[in-house]
């Protein structure tokens, strides 16, 4: 079940750096809230696939359900319920405001993952000389 994959780990690091740069230097109304949410599910997926030998779809769906769960917990003010509102890192990681459109950003991010993985698999099949139906 455990298998280290360097390419996913490198992607995780690059996505993490991108997310940190977005959080530190952008305070707009599109990239930070929506592109950040789109990228964070890809980051989580790459992190899991860096260490776990799991199939694409179950991993992607787990990330999506996890992201939805965190978003719903934001609706119920989880940060305040846990008494963590004074900790900036907790507010950033857990989030503080529920947005329906965030669910869409997560969904699009996961669909993008599945598309990329399917495309990568198709290219691998084509390189090996096999025919795809």
C-alpha atoms as a PDB file:
ATOM      1  CA  UNK A   1       0.000   0.000   0.000  1.00  0.00           C
ATOM      2  CA  UNK A   2       2.940   2.345   0.607  1.00  0.00           C
ATOM      3  CA  UNK A   3       4.966   3.442  -2.374  1.00  0.00           C
ATOM      4  CA  UNK A   4       6.971   6.620  -2.727  1.00  0.00           C
ATOM      5  CA  UNK A   5       6.479   8.429  -6.033  1.00  0.00           C
ATOM      6  CA  UNK A   6       8.914  11.266  -6.566  1.00  0.00           C
ATOM      7  CA  UNK A   7       6.947  13.016  -9.327  1.00  0.00           C
ATOM      8  CA  UNK A   8       3.868  13.366  -7.104  1.00  0.00           C
ATOM      9  CA  UNK A   9       6.044  14.561  -4.225  1.00  0.00           C
ATOM     10  CA  UNK A  10       7.666  17.231  -6.415  1.00  0.00           C
ATOM     11  CA  UNK A  11       4.209  18.313  -7.598  1.00  0.00           C
ATOM     12  CA  UNK A  12       3.111  18.515  -3.947  1.00  0.00           C
ATOM     13  CA  UNK A  13       6.029  20.782  -3.071  1.00  0.00           C
ATOM     14  CA  UNK A  14       5.464  23.030  -6.099  1.00  0.00           C
ATOM     15  CA  UNK A  15       1.744  23.293  -5.387  1.00  0.00           C
ATOM     16  CA  UNK A  16       2.416  24.034  -1.717  1.00  0.00           C
ATOM     17  CA  UNK A  17       4.827  26.824  -2.656  1.00  0.00           C
ATOM     18  CA  UNK A  18       2.246  28.187  -5.095  1.00  0.00           C
ATOM     19  CA  UNK A  19      -0.455  28.129  -2.407  1.00  0.00           C
ATOM     20  CA  UNK A  20       1.831  29.908   0.079  1.00  0.00           C
ATOM     21  CA  UNK A  21       2.709  32.572  -2.499  1.00  0.00           C
ATOM     22  CA  UNK A  22      -0.985  33.076  -3.291  1.00  0.00           C
ATOM     23  CA  UNK A  23      -1.791  33.383   0.429  1.00  0.00           C
ATOM     24  CA  UNK A  24       1.048  35.815   1.107  1.00  0.00           C
ATOM     25  CA  UNK A  25       0.938  38.060  -1.928  1.00  0.00           C
ATOM     26  CA  UNK A  26      -2.539  37.982  -3.453  1.00  0.00           C
ATOM     27  CA  UNK A  27      -5.601  39.500  -1.942  1.00  0.00           C
ATOM     28  CA  UNK A  28      -7.859  39.551  -4.963  1.00  0.00           C
ATOM     29  CA  UNK A  29     -11.356  38.246  -5.449  1.00  0.00           C
ATOM     30  CA  UNK A  30     -10.649  35.398  -7.854  1.00  0.00           C
ATOM     31  CA  UNK A  31      -7.214  33.774  -7.699  1.00  0.00           C
ATOM     32  CA  UNK A  32      -6.849  33.601  -3.927  1.00  0.00           C
ATOM     33  CA  UNK A  33     -10.317  32.251  -3.130  1.00  0.00           C
ATOM     34  CA  UNK A  34     -11.121  30.119  -6.175  1.00  0.00           C
ATOM     35  CA  UNK A  35      -7.873  29.177  -7.888  1.00  0.00           C
ATOM     36  CA  UNK A  36      -6.457  28.487  -4.422  1.00  0.00           C
ATOM     37  CA  UNK A  37      -9.330  26.085  -3.707  1.00  0.00           C
ATOM     38  CA  UNK A  38      -8.935  24.487  -7.141  1.00  0.00           C
ATOM     39  CA  UNK A  39      -5.223  23.934  -6.493  1.00  0.00           C
ATOM     40  CA  UNK A  40      -5.550  22.747  -2.903  1.00  0.00           C
ATOM     41  CA  UNK A  41      -7.418  19.573  -3.900  1.00  0.00           C
ATOM     42  CA  UNK A  42      -4.708  18.845  -6.454  1.00  0.00           C
ATOM     43  CA  UNK A  43      -2.100  19.416  -3.741  1.00  0.00           C
ATOM     44  CA  UNK A  44      -3.874  17.010  -1.369  1.00  0.00           C
ATOM     45  CA  UNK A  45      -4.229  14.420  -4.117  1.00  0.00           C
ATOM     46  CA  UNK A  46      -0.544  14.653  -5.072  1.00  0.00           C
ATOM     47  CA  UNK A  47       0.470  14.430  -1.420  1.00  0.00           C
ATOM     48  CA  UNK A  48      -1.533  11.233  -0.923  1.00  0.00           C
ATOM     49  CA  UNK A  49      -0.283   9.714  -4.155  1.00  0.00           C
ATOM     50  CA  UNK A  50       3.298  10.581  -3.130  1.00  0.00           C
ATOM     51  CA  UNK A  51       3.157   7.909  -0.446  1.00  0.00           C
ATOM     52  CA  UNK A  52       0.129   5.689  -1.052  1.00  0.00           C
ATOM     53  CA  UNK A  53      -0.229   3.133  -3.810  1.00  0.00           C
ATOM     54  CA  UNK A  54      -3.933   3.770  -4.314  1.00  0.00           C
ATOM     55  CA  UNK A  55      -6.071   3.983  -7.424  1.00  0.00           C
ATOM     56  CA  UNK A  56      -6.791   7.338  -9.010  1.00  0.00           C
ATOM     57  CA  UNK A  57     -10.555   7.507  -8.622  1.00  0.00           C
ATOM     58  CA  UNK A  58     -10.843   6.433  -4.959  1.00  0.00           C
ATOM     59  CA  UNK A  59      -8.040   8.824  -4.026  1.00  0.00           C
ATOM     60  CA  UNK A  60      -9.614  11.694  -5.952  1.00  0.00           C
ATOM     61  CA  UNK A  61     -13.029  10.998  -4.422  1.00  0.00           C
ATOM     62  CA  UNK A  62     -11.517  10.843  -0.924  1.00  0.00           C
ATOM     63  CA  UNK A  63      -9.910  14.252  -1.482  1.00  0.00           C
ATOM     64  CA  UNK A  64     -13.210  15.643  -2.745  1.00  0.00           C
ATOM     65  CA  UNK A  65     -15.215  14.313   0.220  1.00  0.00           C
ATOM     66  CA  UNK A  66     -12.537  15.566   2.628  1.00  0.00           C
ATOM     67  CA  UNK A  67     -12.664  19.028   1.021  1.00  0.00           C
ATOM     68  CA  UNK A  68     -16.457  19.121   1.092  1.00  0.00           C
ATOM     69  CA  UNK A  69     -16.390  18.090   4.757  1.00  0.00           C
ATOM     70  CA  UNK A  70     -14.002  20.903   5.671  1.00  0.00           C
ATOM     71  CA  UNK A  71     -16.150  23.380   3.774  1.00  0.00           C
ATOM     72  CA  UNK A  72     -19.299  22.246   5.607  1.00  0.00           C
ATOM     73  CA  UNK A  73     -17.439  22.486   8.915  1.00  0.00           C
ATOM     74  CA  UNK A  74     -16.652  26.092   7.997  1.00  0.00           C
ATOM     75  CA  UNK A  75     -20.398  26.674   7.796  1.00  0.00           C
ATOM     76  CA  UNK A  76     -20.626  25.548  11.418  1.00  0.00           C
ATOM     77  CA  UNK A  77     -17.684  27.795  12.420  1.00  0.00           C
ATOM     78  CA  UNK A  78     -15.359  24.945  13.365  1.00  0.00           C
ATOM     79  CA  UNK A  79     -12.438  27.276  14.077  1.00  0.00           C
ATOM     80  CA  UNK A  80     -14.485  29.121  16.711  1.00  0.00           C
ATOM     81  CA  UNK A  81     -15.982  25.905  18.109  1.00  0.00           C
ATOM     82  CA  UNK A  82     -12.465  24.576  18.663  1.00  0.00           C
ATOM     83  CA  UNK A  83     -11.348  27.888  20.181  1.00  0.00           C
ATOM     84  CA  UNK A  84      -8.704  28.400  17.505  1.00  0.00           C
ATOM     85  CA  UNK A  85      -9.826  31.766  16.143  1.00  0.00           C
ATOM     86  CA  UNK A  86      -6.709  33.508  17.518  1.00  0.00           C
ATOM     87  CA  UNK A  87      -4.422  31.223  15.472  1.00  0.00           C
ATOM     88  CA  UNK A  88      -3.911  32.498  11.939  1.00  0.00           C
ATOM     89  CA  UNK A  89      -2.642  29.123  10.701  1.00  0.00           C
ATOM     90  CA  UNK A  90      -5.829  27.388  11.935  1.00  0.00           C
ATOM     91  CA  UNK A  91      -7.970  29.998  10.200  1.00  0.00           C
ATOM     92  CA  UNK A  92      -6.022  29.515   6.959  1.00  0.00           C
ATOM     93  CA  UNK A  93      -5.905  25.688   7.005  1.00  0.00           C
ATOM     94  CA  UNK A  94      -9.436  25.019   8.258  1.00  0.00           C
ATOM     95  CA  UNK A  95     -11.020  28.132   6.812  1.00  0.00           C
ATOM     96  CA  UNK A  96     -13.539  30.474   8.335  1.00  0.00           C
ATOM     97  CA  UNK A  97     -16.276  31.072   5.804  1.00  0.00           C
ATOM     98  CA  UNK A  98     -18.532  28.706   3.901  1.00  0.00           C
ATOM     99  CA  UNK A  99     -18.983  29.387   0.196  1.00  0.00           C
ATOM    100  CA  UNK A 100     -21.035  27.253  -2.168  1.00  0.00           C
ATOM    101  CA  UNK A 101     -18.732  28.209  -5.018  1.00  0.00           C
ATOM    102  CA  UNK A 102     -15.802  26.660  -3.128  1.00  0.00           C
ATOM    103  CA  UNK A 103     -17.507  23.300  -3.573  1.00  0.00           C
ATOM    104  CA  UNK A 104     -17.496  23.964  -7.308  1.00  0.00           C
ATOM    105  CA  UNK A 105     -13.780  24.857  -7.223  1.00  0.00           C
ATOM    106  CA  UNK A 106     -13.024  21.601  -5.372  1.00  0.00           C
ATOM    107  CA  UNK A 107     -15.109  19.620  -7.842  1.00  0.00           C
ATOM    108  CA  UNK A 108     -13.407  21.207 -10.848  1.00  0.00           C
ATOM    109  CA  UNK A 109     -10.007  20.530  -9.279  1.00  0.00           C
ATOM    110  CA  UNK A 110     -10.819  16.856  -8.790  1.00  0.00           C
ATOM    111  CA  UNK A 111     -12.242  16.565 -12.310  1.00  0.00           C
ATOM    112  CA  UNK A 112      -9.009  18.101 -13.589  1.00  0.00           C
ATOM    113  CA  UNK A 113      -7.012  15.498 -11.634  1.00  0.00           C
ATOM    114  CA  UNK A 114      -9.038  12.635 -13.086  1.00  0.00           C
ATOM    115  CA  UNK A 115      -8.688  14.086 -16.591  1.00  0.00           C
ATOM    116  CA  UNK A 116      -4.900  14.444 -16.235  1.00  0.00           C
ATOM    117  CA  UNK A 117      -4.533  10.944 -14.823  1.00  0.00           C
ATOM    118  CA  UNK A 118      -6.689   9.464 -17.583  1.00  0.00           C
ATOM    119  CA  UNK A 119      -4.668  11.353 -20.213  1.00  0.00           C
ATOM    120  CA  UNK A 120      -1.408  10.169 -18.629  1.00  0.00           C
ATOM    121  CA  UNK A 121      -2.648   6.571 -18.639  1.00  0.00           C
ATOM    122  CA  UNK A 122      -3.766   6.847 -22.270  1.00  0.00           C
ATOM    123  CA  UNK A 123      -0.330   8.174 -23.296  1.00  0.00           C
ATOM    124  CA  UNK A 124       1.360   5.351 -21.414  1.00  0.00           C
ATOM    125  CA  UNK A 125      -0.823   2.808 -23.228  1.00  0.00           C
ATOM    126  CA  UNK A 126      -0.107   4.401 -26.591  1.00  0.00           C
ATOM    127  CA  UNK A 127       3.665   4.398 -25.964  1.00  0.00           C
ATOM    128  CA  UNK A 128       3.608   0.713 -25.095  1.00  0.00           C
ATOM    129  CA  UNK A 129       2.003  -0.065 -28.454  1.00  0.00           C
ATOM    130  CA  UNK A 130      -1.343  -1.128 -27.033  1.00  0.00           C
ATOM    131  CA  UNK A 131      -4.575  -0.034 -28.611  1.00  0.00           C
ATOM    132  CA  UNK A 132      -7.198   1.841 -26.640  1.00  0.00           C
ATOM    133  CA  UNK A 133     -10.807   1.144 -27.387  1.00  0.00           C
END
